Protein backbone atom coordinates (compact mmCIF):
# COMPACT_ATOMS: atom_id res chain seq x y z
CA MET A 1 -6.12 -32.00 -26.09
CA GLU A 2 -3.42 -30.63 -28.44
CA SER A 3 0.12 -30.74 -27.05
CA SER A 4 0.64 -27.08 -27.66
CA SER A 5 -2.41 -26.17 -25.65
CA LEU A 6 -1.32 -28.44 -22.83
CA ALA A 7 2.12 -26.84 -22.84
CA MET A 8 0.51 -23.41 -22.66
CA ARG A 9 -1.63 -24.41 -19.77
CA ILE A 10 1.34 -25.87 -17.92
CA ARG A 11 3.35 -22.67 -18.42
CA PHE A 12 0.36 -20.61 -17.23
CA ALA A 13 0.00 -22.82 -14.12
CA ILE A 14 3.67 -22.30 -13.34
CA LEU A 15 3.52 -18.60 -13.86
CA SER A 16 0.38 -18.37 -11.76
CA THR A 17 1.90 -20.33 -8.91
CA MET A 18 4.97 -18.10 -8.95
CA LEU A 19 2.87 -14.92 -8.88
CA LEU A 20 0.71 -16.24 -6.04
CA SER A 21 3.75 -17.22 -4.00
CA SER A 22 5.26 -13.81 -4.47
CA ALA A 23 2.04 -12.17 -3.38
CA LEU A 24 1.90 -14.27 -0.27
CA ALA A 25 5.66 -13.89 0.44
CA HIS A 26 5.50 -10.04 0.19
CA GLY A 27 2.18 -9.69 2.08
CA GLN A 28 -0.62 -7.70 0.57
CA VAL A 29 -1.68 -5.77 3.58
CA VAL A 30 -0.32 -2.36 4.20
CA VAL A 31 -0.88 -1.01 7.68
CA VAL A 32 -1.07 2.66 8.45
CA ILE A 33 0.45 3.23 11.90
CA GLY A 34 0.37 6.27 14.18
CA ASN A 35 1.87 7.75 17.27
CA ALA A 36 -0.08 6.88 20.46
CA SER A 37 -1.53 10.49 20.35
CA VAL A 38 -3.29 9.79 16.95
CA LYS A 39 -6.86 8.50 17.22
CA LYS A 40 -8.27 6.03 14.68
CA VAL A 41 -8.56 7.43 11.22
CA ASP A 42 -10.54 6.35 8.18
CA ALA A 43 -9.39 5.90 4.58
CA THR A 44 -10.69 9.35 3.66
CA SER A 45 -8.54 10.97 6.39
CA VAL A 46 -5.44 9.04 5.35
CA PHE A 47 -6.06 10.14 1.67
CA ARG A 48 -6.45 13.83 2.78
CA ILE A 49 -3.26 13.63 4.95
CA TYR A 50 -1.08 12.02 2.37
CA THR A 51 -2.23 14.40 -0.40
CA GLY A 52 -1.67 17.51 1.79
CA ARG A 53 -5.37 18.45 1.98
CA THR A 54 -5.23 18.33 5.74
CA SER A 55 -2.43 18.57 8.28
CA GLU A 56 -4.42 18.02 11.47
CA ILE A 57 -7.01 15.80 13.07
CA ASP A 58 -9.20 17.15 15.86
CA GLY A 59 -6.93 20.24 16.14
CA ALA A 60 -3.75 18.20 16.59
CA ALA A 61 -0.97 18.44 13.92
CA ILE A 62 -0.29 15.36 11.86
CA TYR A 63 3.12 14.50 10.36
CA ALA A 64 2.99 11.81 7.61
CA VAL A 65 5.99 9.88 6.52
CA ASN A 66 6.48 7.87 3.25
CA ALA A 67 8.67 5.09 1.99
CA PRO A 68 11.07 6.13 -0.85
CA THR A 69 9.75 6.50 -4.42
CA GLY A 70 9.62 3.16 -6.34
CA THR A 71 9.70 0.83 -3.31
CA PRO A 72 7.18 -2.02 -3.38
CA ILE A 73 5.56 -0.91 -0.03
CA ARG A 74 5.13 2.64 -1.31
CA ASN A 75 3.63 1.39 -4.61
CA ARG A 76 1.17 -0.87 -2.62
CA PHE A 77 0.37 1.96 -0.20
CA LEU A 78 -0.39 4.34 -3.04
CA ALA A 79 -2.51 1.75 -4.87
CA SER A 80 -4.48 0.24 -1.95
CA CYS A 81 -4.72 3.10 0.46
CA LEU A 82 -4.74 6.24 -1.90
CA GLN A 83 -5.99 4.58 -5.19
CA GLN A 84 -3.18 6.28 -7.06
CA ASP A 85 0.08 5.42 -8.78
CA GLU A 86 3.53 6.97 -8.37
CA ASN A 87 3.18 9.27 -11.34
CA ARG A 88 -0.12 10.73 -10.34
CA TYR A 89 1.08 11.10 -6.70
CA THR A 90 4.34 12.79 -7.66
CA ALA A 91 2.59 15.12 -10.04
CA HIS A 92 0.10 16.00 -7.31
CA TRP A 93 2.96 17.02 -5.00
CA THR A 94 4.83 18.87 -7.73
CA VAL A 95 1.90 21.09 -8.33
CA ARG A 96 1.28 21.66 -4.68
CA LYS A 97 4.93 22.60 -4.12
CA TYR A 98 4.93 24.93 -7.25
CA VAL A 99 1.83 26.84 -5.96
CA GLY A 100 3.13 27.09 -2.45
CA LYS A 101 0.80 24.57 -0.77
CA GLY A 102 3.43 22.48 0.98
CA VAL A 103 5.85 19.60 0.13
CA SER A 104 5.40 15.89 0.07
CA PRO A 105 5.83 13.86 3.29
CA ARG A 106 9.30 13.06 4.52
CA GLU A 107 10.75 9.64 3.45
CA PHE A 108 12.20 6.86 5.44
CA ALA A 109 13.99 3.94 3.68
CA ARG A 110 13.52 1.40 6.44
CA SER A 111 10.46 0.24 8.38
CA ALA A 112 12.43 0.36 11.62
CA ASP A 113 13.10 4.06 11.03
CA VAL A 114 9.35 4.62 10.34
CA LEU A 115 8.48 2.80 13.57
CA LYS A 116 10.97 4.80 15.59
CA TYR A 117 9.85 8.17 14.15
CA VAL A 118 6.16 7.38 14.62
CA ALA A 119 6.68 6.13 18.18
CA THR A 120 8.70 9.25 19.29
CA THR A 121 6.91 12.04 17.33
CA PRO A 122 3.49 13.10 18.62
CA GLY A 123 1.13 13.24 15.68
CA ALA A 124 3.18 11.20 13.34
CA ILE A 125 1.73 8.53 11.01
CA GLY A 126 3.41 6.11 8.58
CA TYR A 127 2.89 2.78 6.93
CA MET A 128 4.49 -0.61 6.68
CA GLU A 129 3.92 -4.26 5.87
CA GLU A 130 1.56 -5.93 8.33
CA SER A 131 4.11 -8.71 8.75
CA GLU A 132 6.60 -6.17 10.21
CA LEU A 133 4.37 -4.95 13.03
CA VAL A 134 5.72 -5.26 16.50
CA PRO A 135 3.60 -5.39 19.69
CA GLY A 136 2.23 -2.10 20.98
CA VAL A 137 2.06 -0.27 17.63
CA ASN A 138 -0.98 1.93 17.12
CA VAL A 139 -2.61 0.57 13.99
CA LEU A 140 -4.86 3.20 12.38
CA LEU A 141 -5.92 1.48 9.13
CA ARG A 142 -5.38 -1.59 7.15
CA CYS A 143 -5.27 -1.37 3.36
CA GLY A 144 -5.18 -4.25 0.85
CA THR A 145 -7.66 -6.44 2.68
CA THR A 146 -10.58 -8.01 0.87
CA ASN A 147 -12.50 -4.72 1.29
CA ASN A 148 -9.63 -2.62 -0.13
CA LYS A 149 -7.66 -4.87 -2.52
CA SER A 150 -4.16 -3.96 -3.76
CA PRO A 151 -3.34 -4.25 -7.48
CA LEU A 152 -1.38 -7.44 -6.75
CA GLY A 153 -4.60 -8.83 -5.17
CA TYR A 154 -6.52 -7.96 -8.33
CA ALA A 155 -3.73 -9.59 -10.36
CA VAL A 156 -3.93 -12.90 -8.41
CA ASP A 157 -7.76 -12.87 -8.71
CA MET A 158 -7.46 -12.37 -12.39
CA ILE A 159 -5.01 -15.20 -12.80
CA VAL A 160 -7.15 -17.54 -10.68
CA SER A 161 -10.24 -16.62 -12.76
CA HIS A 162 -8.38 -17.13 -16.06
CA TRP A 163 -6.94 -20.42 -14.83
CA SER A 164 -10.36 -21.59 -13.82
CA ARG A 165 -11.81 -20.71 -17.19
CA MET A 166 -8.95 -22.62 -18.95
CA LEU A 167 -9.53 -25.67 -16.83
CA HIS A 168 -13.26 -25.73 -17.56
CA GLY A 169 -12.81 -25.04 -21.31
CA ASP A 170 -14.52 -21.54 -21.34
């Protein structure tokens, strides 16, 4: 094996390990939570709520909250729960606001604020890292699991696949 090829493989292994560690440290699962008054919802309902296409479930008003633009949790939520990126989501809400069809959900910077708002506001839903859940929280949906993978999950899979091909000489 050539030394340059070996050096490249070693660098790739180090980078892969760093990315995988980052993925595990940040958690890949985004959890949609709701006030005790909110029944279980599916991914389609969450999409419709967060894009302003519906504001109620079974006749009860729903109040969605977001993390601030550009935060890692919001980016993972948009990608794994709504299959959108920030630009597309912001553009969607810009158009809706312009034509008088509402404004984007309220934003909270901290998970603790989301938890407090959701717990005390009937019909409220929000999202957070699964690792930040506390007992008694009404979990409505998990995004970023193997059935609904986040972009980071796809990146890790791609790296593992590429690393495997490199080890086997493909």
